[in-house]
Amino acid sequence: MKNKQSVGGQAVIEGVMMRGAKGVATAVRVDSGEITVDMKNKIPLTKRNKFFGMPVIRGFVSLIESLIVGVETLNYSASLFEDSVEEPSKFEEWINKVFKGKTNDVIMGISLIFSIVIAIGLFFALPTTVANLFKKIGISGSFALNIMEGIIRVFIFILYIFTIGKMEDIQRVFQYHGAEHKTIFCYENDEELTPENAAKYSRLHPRCGTNFLFLVMIVSIIIFSLTGWNSLYQRILSRVIMLPIVSGITYEIIRWMGRSKSNISKVFAYPGLLLQKLTTREPDFSQLEVAIKALKTAEGIEG
């Protein structure tokens, strides 16, 4: 029997990526109106290696794999619309000339590194720098300053999501994000996968990556509050080093939330579900069709 709770996905440009029993499937509706599907038979490292599949450790490993797969699928979906956009930039032409057949891999690597650097700067360096200003106006004690830093980090995270959500292109992605959740809910409830059935379900899902990121912020407040308040460099370094622990613990919480029907799990999930109101939009039937196509392919379902 299939473990439907293991199915997950991600919205991409005019499409949805789903990760299921058969691999990773990315379905995109191209300009012609047809749905193009890319299927890769990828087995997660956590299932190929017992050590990497251990509790807490599997959380950080899954995070890194998700980042890599996420960038790959985003690049794939973007490549389907290259003919309808402007000519390649000089930088892209240089990349093509130097790396030739490995251009996509190089661009993916650059994108991943750039994303990580931006994330560290925005969600680690900036909050701890701002929190340090409170020290200068009289707030003392490492515990209080770490709590203040955590609150600032959560505020920046919510502000970031709210801001990008105003962009028209991102709103389309958020619609596909909603389609992903509705389709997974429909599948988990053993209903026939049709746009009409999927549309009935909520666009807010407890196993969403938005929930994961928000809980990472909360767990980091608790764990980082146990550390001292040294130099800016030491604080940023300590937070980066402790990220595997934070993400690992958060991953286990998300897994538990996905299985549990208890009131406690609902309390844990509630803030993240509220946040999904910013990261998802109601999809139309054509977008649900794309999400359904991706899920069926990823799970090896005929039809």
Protein backbone atom coordinates (compact mmCIF):
# COMPACT_ATOMS: atom_id res chain seq x y z
CA MET A 1 0.00 0.00 0.00
CA LYS A 2 1.30 3.42 -0.92
CA ASN A 3 2.26 5.87 1.81
CA LYS A 4 0.30 8.87 0.61
CA GLN A 5 1.65 10.97 3.48
CA SER A 6 5.07 10.92 1.80
CA VAL A 7 3.90 12.77 -1.30
CA GLY A 8 5.11 16.36 -1.49
CA GLY A 9 5.59 19.06 -4.04
CA GLN A 10 6.45 22.58 -5.05
CA ALA A 11 5.00 25.22 -7.32
CA VAL A 12 7.14 26.26 -10.28
CA ILE A 13 6.67 28.66 -13.19
CA GLU A 14 3.27 27.80 -14.70
CA GLY A 15 3.40 24.36 -13.13
CA VAL A 16 3.85 21.99 -10.23
CA MET A 17 6.56 19.55 -9.18
CA MET A 18 5.47 16.45 -7.26
CA ARG A 19 7.72 13.96 -5.49
CA GLY A 20 6.21 10.49 -5.17
CA ALA A 21 6.92 6.77 -5.13
CA LYS A 22 8.16 6.69 -8.75
CA GLY A 23 10.30 9.83 -8.60
CA VAL A 24 10.09 13.56 -9.23
CA ALA A 25 7.59 14.76 -11.84
CA THR A 26 7.34 18.36 -13.02
CA ALA A 27 4.25 19.31 -15.03
CA VAL A 28 4.16 22.68 -16.80
CA ARG A 29 1.48 24.23 -19.00
CA VAL A 30 3.34 25.77 -21.93
CA ASP A 31 2.23 28.61 -24.20
CA SER A 32 0.41 26.23 -26.55
CA GLY A 33 -1.87 25.19 -23.71
CA GLU A 34 -0.51 21.65 -23.52
CA ILE A 35 0.92 20.13 -20.34
CA THR A 36 4.58 19.10 -20.61
CA VAL A 37 5.88 16.61 -18.05
CA ASP A 38 9.48 15.93 -17.01
CA MET A 39 10.02 12.76 -14.96
CA LYS A 40 13.17 11.86 -13.05
CA ASN A 41 13.52 8.61 -11.12
CA LYS A 42 15.18 10.08 -8.05
CA ILE A 43 15.36 8.13 -4.80
CA PRO A 44 15.97 10.36 -1.75
CA LEU A 45 19.33 9.90 -0.03
CA THR A 46 17.46 9.27 3.23
CA LYS A 47 16.06 6.08 1.68
CA ARG A 48 19.34 4.99 0.10
CA ASN A 49 21.47 5.36 3.21
CA LYS A 50 20.44 4.26 6.72
CA PHE A 51 22.64 6.85 8.43
CA PHE A 52 21.15 9.75 6.49
CA GLY A 53 17.71 8.31 7.20
CA MET A 54 18.11 8.57 10.98
CA PRO A 55 15.83 10.99 12.90
CA VAL A 56 17.03 14.64 12.96
CA ILE A 57 19.85 13.84 10.48
CA ARG A 58 17.27 13.11 7.77
CA GLY A 59 15.77 16.55 8.26
CA PHE A 60 18.86 18.48 7.18
CA VAL A 61 19.61 16.02 4.37
CA SER A 62 16.04 16.39 3.08
CA LEU A 63 16.35 20.18 3.26
CA ILE A 64 19.49 20.20 1.09
CA GLU A 65 17.97 17.75 -1.39
CA SER A 66 14.78 19.82 -1.54
CA LEU A 67 16.80 22.95 -2.31
CA ILE A 68 18.65 21.22 -5.13
CA VAL A 69 15.52 19.64 -6.63
CA GLY A 70 13.67 22.93 -6.21
CA VAL A 71 16.27 24.89 -8.16
CA GLU A 72 16.42 22.17 -10.85
CA THR A 73 12.66 22.17 -11.38
CA LEU A 74 12.44 25.96 -11.37
CA ASN A 75 15.17 26.12 -14.01
CA TYR A 76 13.39 23.45 -16.04
CA SER A 77 10.06 25.31 -15.97
CA ALA A 78 11.79 28.60 -16.84
CA SER A 79 13.59 26.96 -19.79
CA LEU A 80 10.24 26.12 -21.39
CA PHE A 81 9.50 29.82 -21.80
CA GLU A 82 12.93 30.99 -22.98
CA ASP A 83 11.76 31.48 -26.56
CA SER A 84 9.11 33.97 -25.42
CA VAL A 85 11.47 36.24 -23.51
CA GLU A 86 14.30 38.58 -24.41
CA GLU A 87 17.66 37.57 -25.88
CA PRO A 88 20.24 35.98 -23.53
CA SER A 89 22.35 38.43 -21.56
CA LYS A 90 26.11 38.76 -22.11
CA PHE A 91 26.67 36.83 -18.87
CA GLU A 92 24.49 33.95 -20.14
CA GLU A 93 26.32 33.97 -23.48
CA TRP A 94 29.66 33.81 -21.62
CA ILE A 95 28.42 30.90 -19.48
CA ASN A 96 27.28 29.03 -22.61
CA LYS A 97 30.63 29.64 -24.31
CA VAL A 98 32.79 28.56 -21.36
CA PHE A 99 30.83 25.60 -19.99
CA LYS A 100 28.97 24.49 -23.14
CA GLY A 101 27.10 21.25 -22.32
CA LYS A 102 27.18 21.87 -18.58
CA THR A 103 25.64 25.33 -18.71
CA ASN A 104 22.44 24.32 -16.89
CA ASP A 105 24.38 22.64 -14.08
CA VAL A 106 26.56 25.72 -13.64
CA ILE A 107 23.57 28.07 -13.60
CA MET A 108 21.82 25.80 -11.10
CA GLY A 109 24.89 25.81 -8.86
CA ILE A 110 25.20 29.59 -9.05
CA SER A 111 21.49 29.99 -8.31
CA LEU A 112 21.73 27.68 -5.30
CA ILE A 113 24.79 29.40 -3.85
CA PHE A 114 23.26 32.85 -4.46
CA SER A 115 20.02 31.78 -2.74
CA ILE A 116 21.90 30.44 0.30
CA VAL A 117 24.00 33.62 0.60
CA ILE A 118 20.90 35.82 0.37
CA ALA A 119 19.08 33.67 2.94
CA ILE A 120 22.00 33.84 5.39
CA GLY A 121 22.25 37.59 4.95
CA LEU A 122 18.52 38.28 5.20
CA PHE A 123 17.51 35.82 7.91
CA PHE A 124 20.70 35.49 9.96
CA ALA A 125 23.04 38.46 9.55
CA LEU A 126 20.36 41.17 9.38
CA PRO A 127 18.32 40.05 12.44
CA THR A 128 21.38 39.67 14.65
CA THR A 129 22.72 43.05 13.49
CA VAL A 130 19.41 44.79 14.25
CA ALA A 131 19.10 43.00 17.59
CA ASN A 132 22.56 44.29 18.49
CA LEU A 133 21.16 47.84 18.29
CA PHE A 134 18.84 47.03 21.19
CA LYS A 135 21.90 46.21 23.27
CA LYS A 136 23.11 49.77 22.74
CA ILE A 137 19.83 51.23 24.05
CA GLY A 138 19.88 49.30 27.29
CA ILE A 139 18.57 45.77 26.67
CA SER A 140 21.13 43.43 28.20
CA GLY A 141 21.48 39.70 28.71
CA SER A 142 22.13 37.15 25.97
CA PHE A 143 18.77 35.42 26.49
CA ALA A 144 16.75 38.60 25.96
CA LEU A 145 18.83 39.63 22.94
CA ASN A 146 18.50 36.18 21.35
CA ILE A 147 14.72 36.29 21.82
CA MET A 148 14.67 39.76 20.29
CA GLU A 149 16.73 38.49 17.35
CA GLY A 150 14.28 35.64 16.82
CA ILE A 151 11.29 37.97 16.80
CA ILE A 152 13.02 40.22 14.25
CA ARG A 153 13.81 37.16 12.09
CA VAL A 154 10.15 36.08 12.06
CA PHE A 155 9.07 39.65 11.23
CA ILE A 156 11.51 39.86 8.30
CA PHE A 157 10.34 36.46 7.04
CA ILE A 158 6.66 37.46 7.07
CA LEU A 159 7.43 40.87 5.54
CA TYR A 160 9.45 39.18 2.77
CA ILE A 161 6.61 36.78 1.89
CA PHE A 162 4.03 39.58 2.00
CA THR A 163 6.15 41.78 -0.29
CA ILE A 164 6.92 39.20 -2.99
CA GLY A 165 3.28 38.10 -2.88
CA LYS A 166 2.33 41.46 -4.42
CA MET A 167 4.20 40.61 -7.64
CA GLU A 168 1.94 39.41 -10.47
CA ASP A 169 4.20 36.55 -11.55
CA ILE A 170 4.56 35.32 -7.97
CA GLN A 171 0.79 35.37 -7.54
CA ARG A 172 0.58 32.87 -10.42
CA VAL A 173 3.13 30.68 -8.65
CA PHE A 174 1.10 30.96 -5.44
CA GLN A 175 -1.98 29.76 -7.35
CA TYR A 176 -0.07 26.67 -8.43
CA HIS A 177 1.05 26.30 -4.82
CA GLY A 178 -2.62 26.16 -3.84
CA ALA A 179 -3.26 23.63 -6.63
CA GLU A 180 -0.47 21.44 -5.27
CA HIS A 181 -2.00 21.37 -1.78
CA LYS A 182 -5.55 20.73 -2.96
CA THR A 183 -4.41 17.86 -5.17
CA ILE A 184 -2.42 16.23 -2.37
CA PHE A 185 -5.38 16.55 0.00
CA CYS A 186 -7.65 14.94 -2.61
CA TYR A 187 -5.16 12.08 -3.05
CA GLU A 188 -4.75 11.56 0.71
CA ASN A 189 -8.53 11.31 1.08
CA ASP A 190 -8.75 8.56 -1.58
CA GLU A 191 -10.92 10.59 -3.94
CA GLU A 192 -10.64 10.36 -7.69
CA LEU A 193 -8.10 12.89 -8.90
CA THR A 194 -10.19 15.35 -10.88
CA PRO A 195 -10.12 19.16 -10.80
CA GLU A 196 -13.70 19.17 -9.48
CA ASN A 197 -12.81 16.91 -6.54
CA ALA A 198 -9.52 18.65 -5.74
CA ALA A 199 -11.15 22.08 -5.79
CA LYS A 200 -13.25 21.14 -2.73
CA TYR A 201 -10.22 20.84 -0.47
CA SER A 202 -8.29 23.47 1.47
CA ARG A 203 -5.30 25.17 -0.09
CA LEU A 204 -3.60 25.12 3.35
CA HIS A 205 -1.64 21.94 4.14
CA PRO A 206 0.18 21.11 7.42
CA ARG A 207 3.20 19.53 5.66
CA CYS A 208 3.83 22.58 3.50
CA GLY A 209 7.33 24.01 3.16
CA THR A 210 5.95 27.31 4.44
CA ASN A 211 5.09 25.56 7.71
CA PHE A 212 8.58 24.12 7.80
CA LEU A 213 10.27 27.49 7.30
CA PHE A 214 8.07 29.18 9.90
CA LEU A 215 8.74 26.41 12.45
CA VAL A 216 12.46 26.71 11.70
CA MET A 217 12.16 30.33 12.85
CA ILE A 218 10.39 29.29 16.07
CA VAL A 219 12.72 26.37 16.87
CA SER A 220 15.73 28.61 16.18
CA ILE A 221 14.47 31.12 18.76
CA ILE A 222 14.46 28.38 21.40
CA ILE A 223 17.83 26.86 20.48
CA PHE A 224 19.68 30.12 19.76
CA SER A 225 18.43 31.59 23.04
CA LEU A 226 20.68 29.07 24.81
CA THR A 227 23.79 30.55 23.18
CA GLY A 228 25.79 33.57 24.25
CA TRP A 229 25.93 37.02 22.64
CA ASN A 230 29.44 37.34 21.26
CA SER A 231 30.73 39.22 18.22
CA LEU A 232 28.57 39.53 15.09
CA TYR A 233 30.84 37.15 13.18
CA GLN A 234 30.68 34.51 15.94
CA ARG A 235 26.90 34.78 16.21
CA ILE A 236 26.33 34.37 12.47
CA LEU A 237 28.79 31.48 12.33
CA SER A 238 27.16 29.73 15.29
CA ARG A 239 23.74 30.03 13.70
CA VAL A 240 24.92 28.59 10.39
CA ILE A 241 26.64 25.70 12.23
CA MET A 242 23.50 24.98 14.27
CA LEU A 243 21.20 25.09 11.22
CA PRO A 244 21.42 21.29 10.66
CA ILE A 245 20.19 20.72 14.23
CA VAL A 246 17.41 23.30 13.92
CA SER A 247 16.21 21.97 10.55
CA GLY A 248 16.48 18.36 11.76
CA ILE A 249 14.31 18.97 14.81
CA THR A 250 11.82 20.98 12.75
CA TYR A 251 11.57 18.19 10.18
CA GLU A 252 10.59 15.70 12.90
CA ILE A 253 7.92 18.11 14.15
CA ILE A 254 6.51 18.48 10.62
CA ARG A 255 6.42 14.68 10.17
CA TRP A 256 4.56 14.31 13.45
CA MET A 257 2.13 17.09 12.50
CA GLY A 258 1.40 15.36 9.19
CA ARG A 259 0.46 12.10 10.94
CA SER A 260 -1.17 13.34 14.13
CA LYS A 261 -4.81 14.32 14.49
CA SER A 262 -4.37 15.59 18.05
CA ASN A 263 -5.28 19.08 19.23
CA ILE A 264 -1.63 19.73 20.13
CA SER A 265 -0.52 19.13 16.54
CA LYS A 266 -3.27 21.47 15.33
CA VAL A 267 -1.95 24.19 17.66
CA PHE A 268 1.57 23.71 16.28
CA ALA A 269 0.29 23.80 12.69
CA TYR A 270 -2.04 26.80 13.08
CA PRO A 271 0.52 29.67 12.70
CA GLY A 272 2.01 28.05 9.61
CA LEU A 273 -1.43 27.49 8.10
CA LEU A 274 -2.22 31.16 8.63
CA LEU A 275 1.03 32.05 6.88
CA GLN A 276 0.00 29.90 3.90
CA LYS A 277 -2.80 32.38 3.29
CA LEU A 278 0.03 34.61 2.06
CA THR A 279 1.89 31.93 0.06
CA THR A 280 -1.09 30.29 -1.66
CA ARG A 281 -3.95 31.52 -3.83
CA GLU A 282 -7.09 29.76 -5.04
CA PRO A 283 -6.24 27.94 -8.29
CA ASP A 284 -8.49 27.48 -11.32
CA PHE A 285 -9.34 24.12 -12.88
CA SER A 286 -6.58 24.39 -15.50
CA GLN A 287 -3.97 24.77 -12.76
CA LEU A 288 -5.45 21.85 -10.83
CA GLU A 289 -5.14 19.75 -13.99
CA VAL A 290 -1.40 20.47 -14.06
CA ALA A 291 -0.96 19.53 -10.38
CA ILE A 292 -2.96 16.31 -10.89
CA LYS A 293 -0.83 15.39 -13.92
CA ALA A 294 2.35 15.87 -11.86
CA LEU A 295 1.06 13.79 -8.94
CA LYS A 296 -0.19 10.94 -11.13
CA THR A 297 3.17 10.77 -12.91
CA ALA A 298 5.16 10.90 -9.66
CA GLU A 299 3.03 8.11 -8.14
CA GLY A 300 2.79 6.01 -11.28
CA ILE A 301 -0.99 6.34 -11.57
CA GLU A 302 -2.48 5.63 -14.97
CA GLY A 303 -4.81 8.08 -16.63
